[in-house]
Amino acid sequence: MADSSMDVVSKVDRQEVDNALNQAAKEVAQRYDFKGTDASVAWSGESIVMKANSEERVKAVLDVLQSKLVHRGVSLKALDAGEPKASGKEYRIEATLKEGLSQENAKKLGKLIRDEGPRGVKVLIQGDELRVSSKSRDDLQAVQALLRGADLDVAVQFTNYR
């Protein structure tokens, strides 16, 4: 019998992020506590820019966006938000989306799987993803449970399970 395998990836569904951003923008435009504060949230190239007239308000806009992302099933580990910066009369927070496993994160995951995972599981780093293979599908499911239970810096998904 051939080896079973799966890929461990870190990807973000851009459509879900876009939907969450649109919902957050609607809520910010309609909420009473944001009236007259020039609060907004929008795409700016590849990053998301949140603006408001005070530091607390711009953090509240970030909180609204984060809650919408959670409702849409997007992990907050994929959102890399900076600190509020004063720019003239307004405060801004720029947030970017982290996609793909960095080389160091892939090495950490590989080490975790080799140290704590089942015996006979092979790990191979392929670009920005991790290929995990084993003779037993149960071992692959054990690796999935291990990675879901671990406190990781990145959001991981499992694809190409065969």
Protein backbone atom coordinates (compact mmCIF):
# COMPACT_ATOMS: atom_id res chain seq x y z
CA MET A 1 0.00 0.00 0.00
CA ALA A 2 1.27 3.47 -0.91
CA ASP A 3 2.04 6.16 1.66
CA SER A 4 -0.73 8.51 2.71
CA SER A 5 0.15 12.20 2.75
CA MET A 6 -1.15 15.68 3.48
CA ASP A 7 0.10 19.23 3.21
CA VAL A 8 0.26 21.63 6.16
CA VAL A 9 -0.24 25.16 4.81
CA SER A 10 -0.96 28.64 6.09
CA LYS A 11 -3.38 30.31 3.70
CA VAL A 12 -6.08 32.94 4.11
CA ASP A 13 -9.34 32.99 2.15
CA ARG A 14 -9.16 36.51 0.66
CA GLN A 15 -12.89 36.53 -0.10
CA GLU A 16 -13.75 35.89 3.55
CA VAL A 17 -11.35 38.65 4.65
CA ASP A 18 -12.94 41.00 2.12
CA ASN A 19 -16.43 40.13 3.37
CA ALA A 20 -15.36 40.67 7.00
CA LEU A 21 -13.78 44.01 6.04
CA ASN A 22 -16.99 45.15 4.32
CA GLN A 23 -19.09 44.12 7.34
CA ALA A 24 -16.71 45.96 9.69
CA ALA A 25 -16.84 49.08 7.50
CA LYS A 26 -20.66 49.02 7.59
CA GLU A 27 -20.72 48.60 11.37
CA VAL A 28 -18.18 51.40 11.89
CA ALA A 29 -20.23 53.71 9.65
CA GLN A 30 -23.48 52.95 11.53
CA ARG A 31 -22.42 52.65 15.17
CA TYR A 32 -23.34 55.54 17.43
CA ASP A 33 -20.01 55.66 19.27
CA PHE A 34 -18.17 56.17 15.94
CA LYS A 35 -20.37 59.09 14.76
CA GLY A 36 -18.31 62.19 13.98
CA THR A 37 -14.96 60.47 14.58
CA ASP A 38 -14.03 59.93 10.91
CA ALA A 39 -13.49 56.26 11.76
CA SER A 40 -12.99 53.95 8.78
CA VAL A 41 -11.49 50.64 7.72
CA ALA A 42 -10.48 49.87 4.12
CA TRP A 43 -7.99 48.08 1.88
CA SER A 44 -4.87 50.01 0.94
CA GLY A 45 -3.04 47.88 -1.59
CA GLU A 46 -2.23 44.60 0.15
CA SER A 47 -2.77 45.94 3.68
CA ILE A 48 -5.81 46.99 5.69
CA VAL A 49 -5.80 50.55 7.04
CA MET A 50 -7.94 51.62 10.01
CA LYS A 51 -8.33 55.33 10.82
CA ALA A 52 -9.98 57.31 13.61
CA ASN A 53 -9.48 60.59 15.49
CA SER A 54 -8.18 59.02 18.74
CA GLU A 55 -6.05 56.06 19.74
CA GLU A 56 -8.88 54.37 21.64
CA ARG A 57 -11.26 54.69 18.69
CA VAL A 58 -8.81 53.22 16.19
CA LYS A 59 -8.26 50.28 18.58
CA ALA A 60 -12.05 49.87 18.74
CA VAL A 61 -12.15 49.76 14.90
CA LEU A 62 -9.48 47.02 15.01
CA ASP A 63 -11.60 45.15 17.57
CA VAL A 64 -14.65 45.35 15.27
CA LEU A 65 -12.59 44.01 12.34
CA GLN A 66 -11.19 41.18 14.47
CA SER A 67 -14.67 40.14 15.62
CA LYS A 68 -15.90 40.07 12.01
CA LEU A 69 -12.90 37.96 10.98
CA VAL A 70 -13.62 35.46 13.77
CA HIS A 71 -17.29 35.24 12.73
CA ARG A 72 -16.13 34.50 9.18
CA GLY A 73 -13.78 31.72 10.30
CA VAL A 74 -10.50 33.55 9.60
CA SER A 75 -7.85 32.99 12.26
CA LEU A 76 -6.55 36.12 13.98
CA LYS A 77 -3.04 34.63 13.77
CA ALA A 78 -3.14 35.49 10.06
CA LEU A 79 -3.69 39.20 10.82
CA ASP A 80 -0.54 41.16 11.67
CA ALA A 81 -1.72 44.51 13.08
CA GLY A 82 0.76 47.23 13.98
CA GLU A 83 0.58 49.80 16.76
CA PRO A 84 -1.54 52.96 16.42
CA LYS A 85 0.45 55.79 14.82
CA ALA A 86 -0.47 59.46 14.95
CA SER A 87 -0.62 61.03 11.50
CA GLY A 88 -1.75 64.64 11.65
CA LYS A 89 -5.10 64.77 13.42
CA GLU A 90 -5.86 61.09 12.97
CA TYR A 91 -4.54 57.79 14.27
CA ARG A 92 -3.90 54.83 11.96
CA ILE A 93 -3.30 51.13 12.33
CA GLU A 94 -1.97 49.18 9.36
CA ALA A 95 -2.59 45.45 9.30
CA THR A 96 -1.23 42.89 6.86
CA LEU A 97 -2.22 39.30 6.18
CA LYS A 98 0.38 36.61 6.83
CA GLU A 99 0.25 33.83 4.27
CA GLY A 100 2.53 30.86 3.74
CA LEU A 101 4.81 29.16 6.24
CA SER A 102 8.15 30.92 6.67
CA GLN A 103 11.24 28.74 6.58
CA GLU A 104 11.76 29.03 10.34
CA ASN A 105 8.09 28.22 11.13
CA ALA A 106 8.24 25.23 8.79
CA LYS A 107 11.36 23.99 10.62
CA LYS A 108 9.65 24.46 14.01
CA LEU A 109 6.60 22.49 12.83
CA GLY A 110 8.80 19.76 11.37
CA LYS A 111 10.74 19.45 14.63
CA LEU A 112 7.50 19.38 16.66
CA ILE A 113 6.09 16.58 14.45
CA ARG A 114 9.32 14.56 14.62
CA ASP A 115 9.68 14.97 18.41
CA GLU A 116 6.08 14.52 19.56
CA GLY A 117 4.34 12.93 16.60
CA PRO A 118 3.91 9.23 15.85
CA ARG A 119 6.87 7.13 14.69
CA GLY A 120 7.26 6.58 10.97
CA VAL A 121 5.96 10.01 9.95
CA LYS A 122 8.10 11.76 7.33
CA VAL A 123 8.18 15.56 7.07
CA LEU A 124 9.35 17.44 3.97
CA ILE A 125 9.52 21.23 3.56
CA GLN A 126 8.31 22.31 0.11
CA GLY A 127 8.53 26.07 -0.36
CA ASP A 128 5.94 27.64 1.93
CA GLU A 129 4.21 24.39 2.90
CA LEU A 130 4.98 21.17 4.71
CA ARG A 131 4.37 17.70 3.24
CA VAL A 132 3.69 15.07 5.90
CA SER A 133 3.57 11.43 4.82
CA SER A 134 3.09 8.13 6.60
CA LYS A 135 2.02 4.56 5.91
CA SER A 136 -0.98 4.98 8.21
CA ARG A 137 -3.78 7.55 7.87
CA ASP A 138 -4.26 7.32 11.63
CA ASP A 139 -0.75 8.74 12.07
CA LEU A 140 -1.67 11.70 9.82
CA GLN A 141 -4.77 12.32 11.91
CA ALA A 142 -2.62 12.19 15.05
CA VAL A 143 -0.32 14.82 13.50
CA GLN A 144 -3.36 17.00 12.74
CA ALA A 145 -4.53 16.70 16.35
CA LEU A 146 -1.01 17.51 17.58
CA LEU A 147 -0.78 20.67 15.44
CA ARG A 148 -4.29 21.81 16.36
CA GLY A 149 -3.48 21.43 20.05
CA ALA A 150 -0.07 23.14 19.85
CA ASP A 151 0.32 26.86 20.52
CA LEU A 152 1.67 27.98 17.14
CA ASP A 153 2.57 31.43 15.79
CA VAL A 154 0.72 30.78 12.52
CA ALA A 155 -2.71 29.59 11.46
CA VAL A 156 -2.41 26.16 9.84
CA GLN A 157 -4.74 24.29 7.52
CA PHE A 158 -4.49 20.78 6.13
CA THR A 159 -4.86 20.17 2.38
CA ASN A 160 -4.29 17.36 -0.15
CA TYR A 161 -5.20 14.68 2.37
CA ARG A 162 -4.81 11.39 0.49
